[in-house]
Amino acid sequence: MTALRPEQAGAGGFEEAVGRLDDPLNDPLPGQHPSPWFRAEDAQQEAEAGSGRPEQGRLEPEPEWYDPEGYAQDWYGGAHAAAQEPVARTVRDDETVALRTADTRRIAGAGAEPEPDPVAEREPGTASGAPVVTGGRAARRKAAKKGGGGRRRAAEPQEASAEDDGKPLTRVEARRAARAAKPTAGVVVSRAVGEVFISIGVLMLLFVTYQLWWSNIRAHSLAGNARHHLEDDWASGKGKPGTFEPGQGFAILYIPKLDVVVPIAEGISKTKVLDKGMVGHYGEDSIPTAMPDAKTGNFALAGHRNTHGEPFRYINRLQPGDPIVVETQDKYYVYKMASALPQTPPSNTAVINPIPAGSGFTKAGRYITLTTCTPEFTSTYRMIVWGKMVEERPRSKGKPDALVG
């Protein structure tokens, strides 16, 4: 006859089958149950209620007083905890209200040992077992400040030199230091070249300043003094018309339209006449031309257009009919501008002939010729302006109308 299965034999058969499975060596003490979750009072209550079969016990939720990790270590001797895999627990960030992953936290598992900190191993000032900060960025910054700089300060190299230690340099070290402090040949050459260029630049700047500004101031001063001396000589009876020495003043030129009042000296010497701000008469030292009191002829004058007083700078603005006046000790000679030649080579001396070539004059007369350099600030060509005498007036009769108006 086939034996009945425990569930088919009823309550009595089930108890009998369970009793055959008991091992007398592993039986608990009287009144104890092998499972810590078993509660005798609960089983008794269920039996009295007529459940129909006695139960070995009921699994209850984990009680508040019970520590699962502690139970696993005490009851199973740590083997159960070692067999379990570590479980990553997310920790709430109080600042960002976010969840921190397991890679930024210690793994919370039973029996899990903390991993060694590589930074702590290579930094001497950091303990290998230091707790890991579980907060956000602000918490880590605060922890770093409390630690006096943390890893950043620990990572800074500590450099010590012989001077800091107070030790004197050896002879070899002193030679190396002196050799390193001494400039190389390339540095010396570059410094010398730089100083030369700076000096040249300063000299050029000074030269330009002298030519464009100071030379005019100085020439105006010299020309003004020469004019006053000439007027004093006329007042005292000196300086009668005749032959004059090179550089000697004998007349005054007026160009009312250009507001020019400048003394006229004998000769066209650059250093003795022109650079002193005066106008030079083509005399015996160059190409002789007539004087203003001559009955016929061409009274030719030269002057600077730029720098050194620049008396002829704007003669290109003269128009036919504009007056040009020459004052001597006895008379005023009034000329009217007739024509001009904007540009001609310096070798064209025919422009100061008694009958100047290119002026439009065809017969002998009493003419005046003004010559200067062109273009401005160069001496490549010459500009020519011609005029014809229209009035000769004694000084005793007063100034002519060209100077009074």
Protein backbone atom coordinates (compact mmCIF):
# COMPACT_ATOMS: atom_id res chain seq x y z
CA MET A 1 0.00 0.00 0.00
CA THR A 2 1.41 3.36 -1.01
CA ALA A 3 2.08 5.74 1.86
CA LEU A 4 0.08 8.88 1.94
CA ARG A 5 1.75 12.21 1.33
CA PRO A 6 1.91 14.46 4.40
CA GLU A 7 -0.70 16.90 3.07
CA GLN A 8 -3.04 13.91 2.34
CA ALA A 9 -2.65 12.34 5.80
CA GLY A 10 -4.20 15.27 7.56
CA ALA A 11 -2.88 17.25 10.47
CA GLY A 12 -1.72 14.22 12.41
CA GLY A 13 0.21 12.78 9.50
CA PHE A 14 1.91 16.11 8.79
CA GLU A 15 3.19 16.37 12.36
CA GLU A 16 4.45 12.85 12.19
CA ALA A 17 6.32 13.52 8.95
CA VAL A 18 7.90 16.65 10.37
CA GLY A 19 8.91 14.78 13.51
CA ARG A 20 10.80 12.19 11.43
CA LEU A 21 12.93 15.02 9.94
CA ASP A 22 14.17 16.26 13.31
CA ASP A 23 17.81 15.73 14.06
CA PRO A 24 18.41 15.15 17.75
CA LEU A 25 21.88 16.71 17.42
CA ASN A 26 20.57 20.00 16.07
CA ASP A 27 17.41 20.23 18.21
CA PRO A 28 17.21 23.46 20.14
CA LEU A 29 16.84 23.57 23.85
CA PRO A 30 13.39 22.94 25.27
CA GLY A 31 11.14 25.93 24.74
CA GLN A 32 13.36 27.48 21.95
CA HIS A 33 12.84 27.59 18.24
CA PRO A 34 15.65 27.57 15.67
CA SER A 35 14.42 30.67 13.88
CA PRO A 36 14.69 34.06 15.54
CA TRP A 37 11.55 35.24 13.72
CA PHE A 38 9.41 32.61 15.45
CA ARG A 39 7.10 33.83 18.21
CA ALA A 40 5.48 31.13 20.40
CA GLU A 41 2.62 33.33 21.49
CA ASP A 42 1.60 33.95 17.91
CA ALA A 43 1.63 30.23 17.08
CA GLN A 44 -0.39 29.42 20.19
CA GLN A 45 -2.99 32.06 19.30
CA GLU A 46 -3.39 30.65 15.82
CA ALA A 47 -3.73 27.09 17.15
CA GLU A 48 -6.43 28.17 19.63
CA ALA A 49 -8.28 29.95 16.86
CA GLY A 50 -8.69 26.59 15.11
CA SER A 51 -6.52 27.12 12.11
CA GLY A 52 -6.63 23.38 11.54
CA ARG A 53 -2.88 22.76 11.70
CA PRO A 54 -0.10 23.93 13.95
CA GLU A 55 2.51 26.16 12.26
CA GLN A 56 6.15 26.34 13.04
CA GLY A 57 6.17 30.11 13.11
CA ARG A 58 5.42 33.24 11.15
CA LEU A 59 7.96 35.54 9.51
CA GLU A 60 7.52 39.03 10.85
CA PRO A 61 9.00 42.26 9.40
CA GLU A 62 12.31 43.28 10.77
CA PRO A 63 11.79 44.60 14.32
CA GLU A 64 12.94 48.08 15.22
CA TRP A 65 15.45 46.83 17.78
CA TYR A 66 17.10 44.44 15.34
CA ASP A 67 20.18 45.24 13.30
CA PRO A 68 20.28 43.07 10.16
CA GLU A 69 24.01 43.43 9.76
CA GLY A 70 24.61 42.67 13.40
CA TYR A 71 22.43 39.58 13.23
CA ALA A 72 24.16 38.32 10.13
CA GLN A 73 27.54 38.71 11.74
CA ASP A 74 26.54 37.18 15.11
CA TRP A 75 24.26 34.37 13.96
CA TYR A 76 26.17 33.17 10.91
CA GLY A 77 29.63 34.16 12.09
CA GLY A 78 30.22 36.65 9.29
CA ALA A 79 29.97 34.04 6.51
CA HIS A 80 26.58 35.26 5.40
CA ALA A 81 27.76 38.86 5.12
CA ALA A 82 30.88 37.88 3.17
CA ALA A 83 28.80 35.94 0.66
CA GLN A 84 26.53 38.89 -0.05
CA GLU A 85 27.45 41.32 -2.78
CA PRO A 86 27.89 44.95 -1.73
CA VAL A 87 24.81 47.03 -2.32
CA ALA A 88 25.24 50.64 -3.44
CA ARG A 89 23.21 53.01 -1.34
CA THR A 90 22.25 56.41 -2.58
CA VAL A 91 22.75 59.21 -0.10
CA ARG A 92 20.70 62.32 -0.21
CA ASP A 93 22.55 65.58 -0.82
CA ASP A 94 21.30 68.13 1.67
CA GLU A 95 22.37 71.06 -0.53
CA THR A 96 21.31 70.06 -4.03
CA VAL A 97 18.47 67.68 -3.02
CA ALA A 98 20.00 65.13 -5.39
CA LEU A 99 21.12 61.53 -5.08
CA ARG A 100 24.78 60.72 -4.93
CA THR A 101 25.89 57.63 -6.80
CA ALA A 102 28.06 54.86 -5.45
CA ASP A 103 31.19 56.14 -7.20
CA THR A 104 31.26 59.22 -4.93
CA ARG A 105 30.35 57.37 -1.71
CA ARG A 106 31.66 54.47 0.22
CA ILE A 107 29.89 51.25 -0.65
CA ALA A 108 27.48 50.55 2.18
CA GLY A 109 27.54 46.76 2.51
CA ALA A 110 28.08 44.26 5.18
CA GLY A 111 31.69 43.31 5.61
CA ALA A 112 32.89 45.70 2.78
CA GLU A 113 36.26 47.21 3.52
CA PRO A 114 37.05 50.79 2.39
CA GLU A 115 39.21 51.01 -0.72
CA PRO A 116 42.63 52.60 -0.25
CA ASP A 117 42.82 56.26 -1.24
CA PRO A 118 45.50 56.73 -3.94
CA VAL A 119 45.78 60.42 -3.13
CA ALA A 120 46.38 59.60 0.54
CA GLU A 121 49.10 57.15 -0.41
CA ARG A 122 51.09 59.61 -2.56
CA GLU A 123 50.46 62.66 -0.36
CA PRO A 124 52.30 62.46 2.90
CA GLY A 125 50.01 64.80 4.77
CA THR A 126 46.81 62.84 4.18
CA ALA A 127 45.67 59.87 6.26
CA SER A 128 44.70 56.79 4.26
CA GLY A 129 41.70 56.05 6.45
CA ALA A 130 40.21 59.55 6.41
CA PRO A 131 36.42 59.60 5.96
CA VAL A 132 35.08 60.62 2.60
CA VAL A 133 32.99 63.77 2.51
CA THR A 134 29.43 62.84 1.52
CA GLY A 135 28.09 66.33 0.81
CA GLY A 136 27.95 68.37 -2.38
CA ARG A 137 30.50 70.78 -3.80
CA ALA A 138 29.97 73.31 -1.04
CA ALA A 139 30.47 70.64 1.64
CA ARG A 140 33.72 69.52 0.01
CA ARG A 141 34.95 73.11 -0.23
CA LYS A 142 34.14 73.68 3.43
CA ALA A 143 35.97 70.49 4.39
CA ALA A 144 38.99 71.58 2.32
CA LYS A 145 39.05 74.98 4.06
CA LYS A 146 38.85 73.41 7.48
CA GLY A 147 41.75 71.17 6.58
CA GLY A 148 43.99 74.18 5.75
CA GLY A 149 44.03 73.79 1.98
CA GLY A 150 43.77 69.98 1.82
CA ARG A 151 45.26 68.23 -1.11
CA ARG A 152 46.16 71.37 -3.01
CA ARG A 153 48.58 72.51 -0.35
CA ALA A 154 49.90 69.02 0.12
CA ALA A 155 50.57 68.76 -3.63
CA GLU A 156 52.65 71.95 -3.77
CA PRO A 157 56.34 71.11 -4.03
CA GLN A 158 58.60 72.21 -1.27
CA GLU A 159 61.58 73.85 -2.90
CA ALA A 160 64.59 74.63 -0.82
CA SER A 161 67.64 76.45 -2.08
CA ALA A 162 71.06 76.92 -0.63
CA GLU A 163 70.29 80.56 0.12
CA ASP A 164 67.12 79.66 2.04
CA ASP A 165 69.05 77.13 4.07
CA GLY A 166 71.70 79.71 4.83
CA LYS A 167 74.43 77.54 3.34
CA PRO A 168 77.17 79.28 1.34
CA LEU A 169 77.49 78.48 -2.34
CA THR A 170 80.30 76.28 -3.44
CA ARG A 171 82.91 77.55 -5.87
CA VAL A 172 81.33 75.72 -8.80
CA GLU A 173 77.86 77.01 -7.92
CA ALA A 174 79.18 80.57 -7.57
CA ARG A 175 80.80 80.35 -11.01
CA ARG A 176 77.61 79.04 -12.55
CA ALA A 177 75.56 81.80 -10.93
CA ALA A 178 77.99 84.47 -12.15
CA ARG A 179 77.99 82.98 -15.66
CA ALA A 180 74.18 82.91 -15.72
CA ALA A 181 73.98 86.55 -14.55
CA LYS A 182 76.44 87.74 -17.20
CA PRO A 183 74.67 88.81 -20.46
CA THR A 184 75.53 86.91 -23.60
CA ALA A 185 77.13 88.44 -26.68
CA GLY A 186 73.81 88.49 -28.51
CA VAL A 187 72.18 90.43 -25.70
CA VAL A 188 75.02 92.96 -25.64
CA VAL A 189 74.85 93.44 -29.44
CA SER A 190 71.08 93.82 -29.44
CA ARG A 191 71.28 96.40 -26.66
CA ALA A 192 73.95 98.36 -28.53
CA VAL A 193 71.95 98.32 -31.76
CA GLY A 194 68.84 99.43 -29.92
CA GLU A 195 70.67 102.31 -28.28
CA VAL A 196 72.10 103.39 -31.64
CA PHE A 197 68.66 103.42 -33.26
CA ILE A 198 67.18 105.31 -30.34
CA SER A 199 69.96 107.89 -30.55
CA ILE A 200 69.47 108.29 -34.29
CA GLY A 201 65.73 108.70 -33.81
CA VAL A 202 66.25 111.35 -31.15
CA LEU A 203 68.73 113.22 -33.35
CA MET A 204 66.37 113.15 -36.33
CA LEU A 205 63.54 114.42 -34.19
CA LEU A 206 65.71 117.24 -32.91
CA PHE A 207 66.83 118.10 -36.45
CA VAL A 208 63.26 118.25 -37.76
CA THR A 209 62.24 120.37 -34.80
CA TYR A 210 65.14 122.73 -35.47
CA GLN A 211 64.42 123.01 -39.19
CA LEU A 212 60.67 123.49 -39.02
CA TRP A 213 60.35 125.47 -35.84
CA TRP A 214 63.51 126.82 -34.27
CA SER A 215 65.15 127.96 -37.54
CA ASN A 216 62.15 130.16 -38.27
CA ILE A 217 62.22 131.70 -34.81
CA ARG A 218 65.93 132.38 -35.04
CA ALA A 219 65.71 133.78 -38.61
CA HIS A 220 62.85 136.09 -37.73
CA SER A 221 64.87 137.41 -34.82
CA LEU A 222 67.97 138.01 -36.97
CA ALA A 223 65.99 139.58 -39.79
CA GLY A 224 64.18 141.85 -37.38
CA ASN A 225 67.45 143.02 -35.85
CA ALA A 226 68.93 143.65 -39.31
CA ARG A 227 65.93 145.73 -40.27
CA HIS A 228 66.13 147.86 -37.13
CA HIS A 229 69.85 148.47 -37.64
CA LEU A 230 69.20 149.47 -41.23
CA GLU A 231 66.50 151.95 -40.25
CA ASP A 232 68.80 153.39 -37.57
CA ASP A 233 71.56 153.87 -40.17
CA TRP A 234 69.13 155.67 -42.47
CA ALA A 235 68.03 157.90 -39.67
CA SER A 236 71.67 158.77 -38.91
CA GLY A 237 72.59 159.38 -42.57
CA LYS A 238 74.53 156.18 -43.16
CA GLY A 239 74.04 153.59 -45.91
CA LYS A 240 73.92 155.74 -49.04
CA PRO A 241 73.16 153.78 -52.22
CA GLY A 242 76.28 152.40 -53.84
CA THR A 243 78.34 149.25 -53.68
CA PHE A 244 77.56 147.02 -50.72
CA GLU A 245 79.53 144.24 -49.14
CA PRO A 246 78.17 140.67 -49.33
CA GLY A 247 75.73 140.17 -46.50
CA GLN A 248 75.21 143.89 -45.96
CA GLY A 249 71.61 145.06 -45.85
CA PHE A 250 70.59 148.03 -48.01
CA ALA A 251 66.78 147.85 -48.56
CA ILE A 252 63.47 146.51 -47.20
CA LEU A 253 61.00 144.39 -49.19
CA TYR A 254 57.22 144.65 -48.61
CA ILE A 255 54.59 142.27 -50.00
CA PRO A 256 51.35 143.56 -48.43
CA LYS A 257 49.17 140.68 -49.64
CA LEU A 258 51.39 138.13 -47.90
CA ASP A 259 52.19 140.36 -44.88
CA VAL A 260 55.90 140.12 -45.66
CA VAL A 261 58.38 142.72 -44.36
CA VAL A 262 61.98 141.54 -44.74
CA PRO A 263 65.38 143.24 -45.21
CA ILE A 264 67.29 142.85 -48.49
CA ALA A 265 71.03 142.09 -48.28
CA GLU A 266 73.71 141.92 -50.91
CA GLY A 267 74.45 138.44 -52.29
CA ILE A 268 72.64 135.12 -52.15
CA SER A 269 74.95 133.37 -49.70
CA LYS A 270 73.04 130.73 -47.79
CA THR A 271 74.88 131.17 -44.52
CA LYS A 272 75.41 134.95 -44.59
CA VAL A 273 72.06 136.03 -46.02
CA LEU A 274 69.33 133.46 -46.73
CA ASP A 275 69.63 131.39 -43.53
CA LYS A 276 69.41 134.61 -41.52
CA GLY A 277 65.87 135.17 -42.78
CA MET A 278 66.79 137.91 -45.23
CA VAL A 279 66.24 138.17 -48.98
CA GLY A 280 69.40 138.14 -51.13
CA HIS A 281 70.15 140.26 -54.17
CA TYR A 282 71.82 138.55 -57.13
CA GLY A 283 75.08 140.57 -57.04
CA GLU A 284 78.71 140.23 -57.92
CA ASP A 285 79.13 136.89 -56.07
CA SER A 286 76.64 135.13 -58.42
CA ILE A 287 74.94 136.61 -61.50
CA PRO A 288 74.97 140.42 -61.30
CA THR A 289 71.59 142.10 -61.68
CA ALA A 290 70.50 145.72 -61.60
CA MET A 291 69.72 147.77 -58.50
CA PRO A 292 66.27 149.32 -57.99
CA ASP A 293 67.49 152.85 -58.85
CA ALA A 294 68.83 151.74 -62.28
CA LYS A 295 67.10 153.30 -65.31
CA THR A 296 66.65 149.85 -66.88
CA GLY A 297 67.34 146.36 -65.70
CA ASN A 298 66.05 143.45 -63.65
CA PHE A 299 66.26 143.62 -59.85
CA ALA A 300 66.43 139.87 -58.98
CA LEU A 301 65.97 138.52 -55.45
CA ALA A 302 66.17 135.05 -53.86
CA GLY A 303 64.67 133.79 -50.62
CA HIS A 304 63.73 130.61 -48.74
CA ARG A 305 60.31 129.12 -49.26
CA ASN A 306 60.52 126.84 -46.21
CA THR A 307 62.46 127.14 -42.95
CA HIS A 308 64.84 129.95 -41.96
CA GLY A 309 62.13 132.58 -41.90
CA GLU A 310 60.55 131.35 -45.20
CA PRO A 311 59.84 134.86 -46.59
CA PHE A 312 58.81 133.53 -50.04
CA ARG A 313 56.66 130.65 -48.86
CA TYR A 314 53.40 131.91 -50.34
CA ILE A 315 54.55 133.86 -53.41
CA ASN A 316 52.57 131.36 -55.49
CA ARG A 317 49.44 133.16 -54.20
CA LEU A 318 50.32 136.45 -55.87
CA GLN A 319 48.07 137.55 -58.69
CA PRO A 320 48.73 140.04 -61.52
CA GLY A 321 48.39 143.58 -60.16
CA ASP A 322 49.38 142.73 -56.54
CA PRO A 323 51.89 145.35 -55.27
CA ILE A 324 55.51 144.60 -54.39
CA VAL A 325 57.36 147.51 -52.71
CA VAL A 326 61.11 148.04 -52.19
CA GLU A 327 62.18 150.71 -49.68
CA THR A 328 65.67 152.26 -49.75
CA GLN A 329 67.23 155.10 -47.79
CA ASP A 330 65.82 157.74 -50.17
CA LYS A 331 62.90 156.28 -52.12
CA TYR A 332 60.05 153.76 -52.41
CA TYR A 333 59.92 151.63 -55.57
CA VAL A 334 56.48 150.18 -56.29
CA TYR A 335 56.10 147.17 -58.64
CA LYS A 336 53.00 145.39 -59.88
CA MET A 337 53.03 141.62 -60.20
CA ALA A 338 52.88 140.73 -63.91
CA SER A 339 53.45 136.99 -64.42
CA ALA A 340 54.85 133.80 -62.84
CA LEU A 341 56.59 130.58 -63.80
CA PRO A 342 55.48 127.76 -61.46
CA GLN A 343 58.46 125.50 -62.11
CA THR A 344 61.80 125.64 -63.87
CA PRO A 345 65.21 123.94 -63.45
CA PRO A 346 67.79 125.69 -61.26
CA SER A 347 70.07 125.97 -64.28
CA ASN A 348 67.64 128.30 -66.07
CA THR A 349 69.39 131.58 -65.31
CA ALA A 350 67.68 133.31 -68.20
CA VAL A 351 64.78 134.15 -65.90
CA ILE A 352 66.91 136.88 -64.26
CA ASN A 353 68.18 138.43 -67.47
CA PRO A 354 67.64 142.20 -68.02
CA ILE A 355 64.70 141.15 -70.16
CA PRO A 356 63.70 137.94 -68.32
CA ALA A 357 62.90 134.93 -70.51
CA GLY A 358 59.39 133.57 -70.06
CA SER A 359 58.11 136.70 -68.31
CA GLY A 360 56.25 138.08 -71.28
CA PHE A 361 58.36 141.27 -71.36
CA THR A 362 59.69 142.08 -74.80
CA LYS A 363 61.72 145.21 -74.26
CA ALA A 364 63.99 146.73 -71.69
CA GLY A 365 62.38 148.12 -68.58
CA ARG A 366 62.57 148.27 -64.79
CA TYR A 367 61.62 144.83 -63.57
CA ILE A 368 61.75 142.77 -60.37
CA THR A 369 62.18 138.99 -60.16
CA LEU A 370 61.49 136.80 -57.10
CA THR A 371 62.99 133.29 -57.09
CA THR A 372 62.51 130.44 -54.60
CA CYS A 373 62.59 126.64 -54.35
CA THR A 374 59.69 124.35 -55.29
CA PRO A 375 57.97 122.02 -54.41
CA GLU A 376 57.78 122.90 -50.74
CA PHE A 377 60.48 121.42 -48.50
CA THR A 378 62.59 120.55 -51.53
CA SER A 379 65.07 122.34 -53.79
CA THR A 380 64.50 120.33 -56.96
CA TYR A 381 63.07 123.20 -59.04
CA ARG A 382 62.65 126.99 -58.90
CA MET A 383 59.51 129.10 -58.88
CA ILE A 384 59.68 132.54 -60.52
CA VAL A 385 57.48 135.63 -60.04
CA TRP A 386 57.97 138.79 -62.13
CA GLY A 387 56.84 142.36 -61.60
CA LYS A 388 57.13 145.73 -63.38
CA MET A 389 57.88 149.07 -61.72
CA VAL A 390 54.90 151.45 -61.74
CA GLU A 391 55.94 154.10 -59.23
CA GLU A 392 59.09 155.68 -57.77
CA ARG A 393 58.32 157.78 -54.71
CA PRO A 394 60.72 159.73 -52.48
CA ARG A 395 60.52 158.91 -48.81
CA SER A 396 60.05 162.59 -48.03
CA LYS A 397 56.55 162.36 -49.57
CA GLY A 398 55.52 159.57 -47.26
CA LYS A 399 54.58 155.97 -47.87
CA PRO A 400 52.95 154.94 -51.13
CA ASP A 401 49.30 153.95 -51.24
CA ALA A 402 50.23 150.23 -51.44
CA LEU A 403 51.62 150.45 -47.90
CA VAL A 404 49.07 152.88 -46.48
CA GLY A 405 45.90 150.97 -47.45
